[in-house]
C-alpha atoms as a PDB file:
ATOM      1  CA  UNK A   1     -15.778  -0.734  -4.166  1.00  0.00           C
ATOM      2  CA  UNK A   2     -12.103  -1.483  -4.708  1.00  0.00           C
ATOM      3  CA  UNK A   3      -9.921  -2.918  -7.415  1.00  0.00           C
ATOM      4  CA  UNK A   4      -6.496  -4.360  -7.956  1.00  0.00           C
ATOM      5  CA  UNK A   5      -3.969  -1.607  -8.372  1.00  0.00           C
ATOM      6  CA  UNK A   6      -1.287  -1.714 -11.067  1.00  0.00           C
ATOM      7  CA  UNK A   7       2.172  -2.517  -9.764  1.00  0.00           C
ATOM      8  CA  UNK A   8       4.362  -0.991  -8.530  1.00  0.00           C
ATOM      9  CA  UNK A   9       2.514   1.350  -6.122  1.00  0.00           C
ATOM     10  CA  UNK A  10       4.623   4.537  -5.795  1.00  0.00           C
ATOM     11  CA  UNK A  11       2.295   6.544  -3.545  1.00  0.00           C
ATOM     12  CA  UNK A  12      -0.741   5.399  -1.650  1.00  0.00           C
ATOM     13  CA  UNK A  13      -3.118   8.240  -0.845  1.00  0.00           C
ATOM     14  CA  UNK A  14      -6.516   8.519   0.795  1.00  0.00           C
ATOM     15  CA  UNK A  15      -8.389   8.443  -2.469  1.00  0.00           C
ATOM     16  CA  UNK A  16      -5.774   8.615  -5.276  1.00  0.00           C
ATOM     17  CA  UNK A  17      -2.772   6.306  -5.781  1.00  0.00           C
ATOM     18  CA  UNK A  18       0.229   6.627  -8.093  1.00  0.00           C
ATOM     19  CA  UNK A  19       1.086   3.268  -9.707  1.00  0.00           C
ATOM     20  CA  UNK A  20       3.119   1.983 -12.570  1.00  0.00           C
ATOM     21  CA  UNK A  21       0.132   2.836 -14.788  1.00  0.00           C
ATOM     22  CA  UNK A  22      -0.300   6.438 -13.605  1.00  0.00           C
ATOM     23  CA  UNK A  23      -2.856   7.887 -11.217  1.00  0.00           C
ATOM     24  CA  UNK A  24      -5.619   5.489 -10.089  1.00  0.00           C
ATOM     25  CA  UNK A  25      -8.660   6.082  -7.936  1.00  0.00           C
ATOM     26  CA  UNK A  26      -8.853   3.635  -5.012  1.00  0.00           C
ATOM     27  CA  UNK A  27     -12.549   3.051  -5.836  1.00  0.00           C
ATOM     28  CA  UNK A  28     -11.543   1.689  -9.313  1.00  0.00           C
ATOM     29  CA  UNK A  29     -13.673   4.294 -11.111  1.00  0.00           C
ATOM     30  CA  UNK A  30     -10.934   6.492 -12.640  1.00  0.00           C
ATOM     31  CA  UNK A  31      -7.538   5.823 -14.129  1.00  0.00           C
ATOM     32  CA  UNK A  32      -5.161   8.386 -15.719  1.00  0.00           C
ATOM     33  CA  UNK A  33      -2.196   6.867 -17.609  1.00  0.00           C
ATOM     34  CA  UNK A  34       1.188   8.575 -17.342  1.00  0.00           C
ATOM     35  CA  UNK A  35       0.891   9.458 -21.047  1.00  0.00           C
ATOM     36  CA  UNK A  36      -1.970  11.853 -20.115  1.00  0.00           C
ATOM     37  CA  UNK A  37      -0.094  13.571 -17.351  1.00  0.00           C
ATOM     38  CA  UNK A  38       1.682  16.683 -18.595  1.00  0.00           C
ATOM     39  CA  UNK A  39       5.264  17.337 -17.461  1.00  0.00           C
ATOM     40  CA  UNK A  40       4.624  21.070 -17.088  1.00  0.00           C
ATOM     41  CA  UNK A  41       3.418  21.930 -13.588  1.00  0.00           C
ATOM     42  CA  UNK A  42       1.612  24.966 -14.976  1.00  0.00           C
ATOM     43  CA  UNK A  43      -0.421  22.791 -17.326  1.00  0.00           C
ATOM     44  CA  UNK A  44      -3.911  21.920 -15.974  1.00  0.00           C
ATOM     45  CA  UNK A  45      -5.324  19.023 -18.136  1.00  0.00           C
ATOM     46  CA  UNK A  46      -8.984  18.854 -18.727  1.00  0.00           C
ATOM     47  CA  UNK A  47      -9.309  15.519 -16.861  1.00  0.00           C
ATOM     48  CA  UNK A  48      -7.984  17.247 -13.746  1.00  0.00           C
ATOM     49  CA  UNK A  49     -10.696  19.864 -13.922  1.00  0.00           C
ATOM     50  CA  UNK A  50     -13.310  17.209 -14.471  1.00  0.00           C
ATOM     51  CA  UNK A  51     -12.133  15.135 -11.511  1.00  0.00           C
ATOM     52  CA  UNK A  52     -11.944  18.121  -9.226  1.00  0.00           C
ATOM     53  CA  UNK A  53     -15.617  19.014 -10.010  1.00  0.00           C
ATOM     54  CA  UNK A  54     -16.724  15.425  -9.282  1.00  0.00           C
ATOM     55  CA  UNK A  55     -18.645  15.155  -6.074  1.00  0.00           C
ATOM     56  CA  UNK A  56     -16.584  13.589  -3.335  1.00  0.00           C
ATOM     57  CA  UNK A  57     -13.168  14.166  -4.906  1.00  0.00           C
ATOM     58  CA  UNK A  58     -10.437  14.856  -2.405  1.00  0.00           C
ATOM     59  CA  UNK A  59      -8.797  17.682  -4.293  1.00  0.00           C
ATOM     60  CA  UNK A  60      -5.735  17.822  -1.971  1.00  0.00           C
ATOM     61  CA  UNK A  61      -5.061  14.108  -2.353  1.00  0.00           C
ATOM     62  CA  UNK A  62      -5.486  14.321  -6.141  1.00  0.00           C
ATOM     63  CA  UNK A  63      -3.057  17.289  -6.278  1.00  0.00           C
ATOM     64  CA  UNK A  64      -0.526  15.343  -4.179  1.00  0.00           C
ATOM     65  CA  UNK A  65      -0.918  12.336  -6.484  1.00  0.00           C
ATOM     66  CA  UNK A  66      -0.383  14.514  -9.533  1.00  0.00           C
ATOM     67  CA  UNK A  67       2.773  16.007  -7.975  1.00  0.00           C
ATOM     68  CA  UNK A  68       4.119  12.536  -7.160  1.00  0.00           C
ATOM     69  CA  UNK A  69       3.367  11.262 -10.673  1.00  0.00           C
ATOM     70  CA  UNK A  70       5.201  14.206 -12.205  1.00  0.00           C
ATOM     71  CA  UNK A  71       8.219  13.585 -10.013  1.00  0.00           C
ATOM     72  CA  UNK A  72       8.234   9.925 -11.028  1.00  0.00           C
ATOM     73  CA  UNK A  73       7.962  10.996 -14.724  1.00  0.00           C
ATOM     74  CA  UNK A  74      10.957  13.280 -14.272  1.00  0.00           C
ATOM     75  CA  UNK A  75      13.058  10.352 -13.004  1.00  0.00           C
ATOM     76  CA  UNK A  76      11.768   7.808 -15.505  1.00  0.00           C
ATOM     77  CA  UNK A  77      11.916   9.914 -18.704  1.00  0.00           C
ATOM     78  CA  UNK A  78      15.658   9.991 -19.180  1.00  0.00           C
ATOM     79  CA  UNK A  79      15.661   6.151 -19.163  1.00  0.00           C
ATOM     80  CA  UNK A  80      12.938   6.007 -21.801  1.00  0.00           C
ATOM     81  CA  UNK A  81      14.774   8.119 -24.397  1.00  0.00           C
ATOM     82  CA  UNK A  82      16.512   6.150 -27.140  1.00  0.00           C
ATOM     83  CA  UNK A  83      20.335   6.276 -27.089  1.00  0.00           C
END
């Protein structure tokens, strides 16, 4: 199963992709918007634990997607702040 990914695609992984929306599973089953991705690298959101426990999740690819999404957030956030 596959689906149309949100544009732009920032990182294309084996199972998890970082898009303009956030983190998307290539099978179309799971989507995590940027608003649900904490900036703090020490933070471990509940959705991350849930996805890591899911059978068949490539934890390394998900961790790489999360890291890439956080780096994109760090670049994008200053532009989103009002003047």
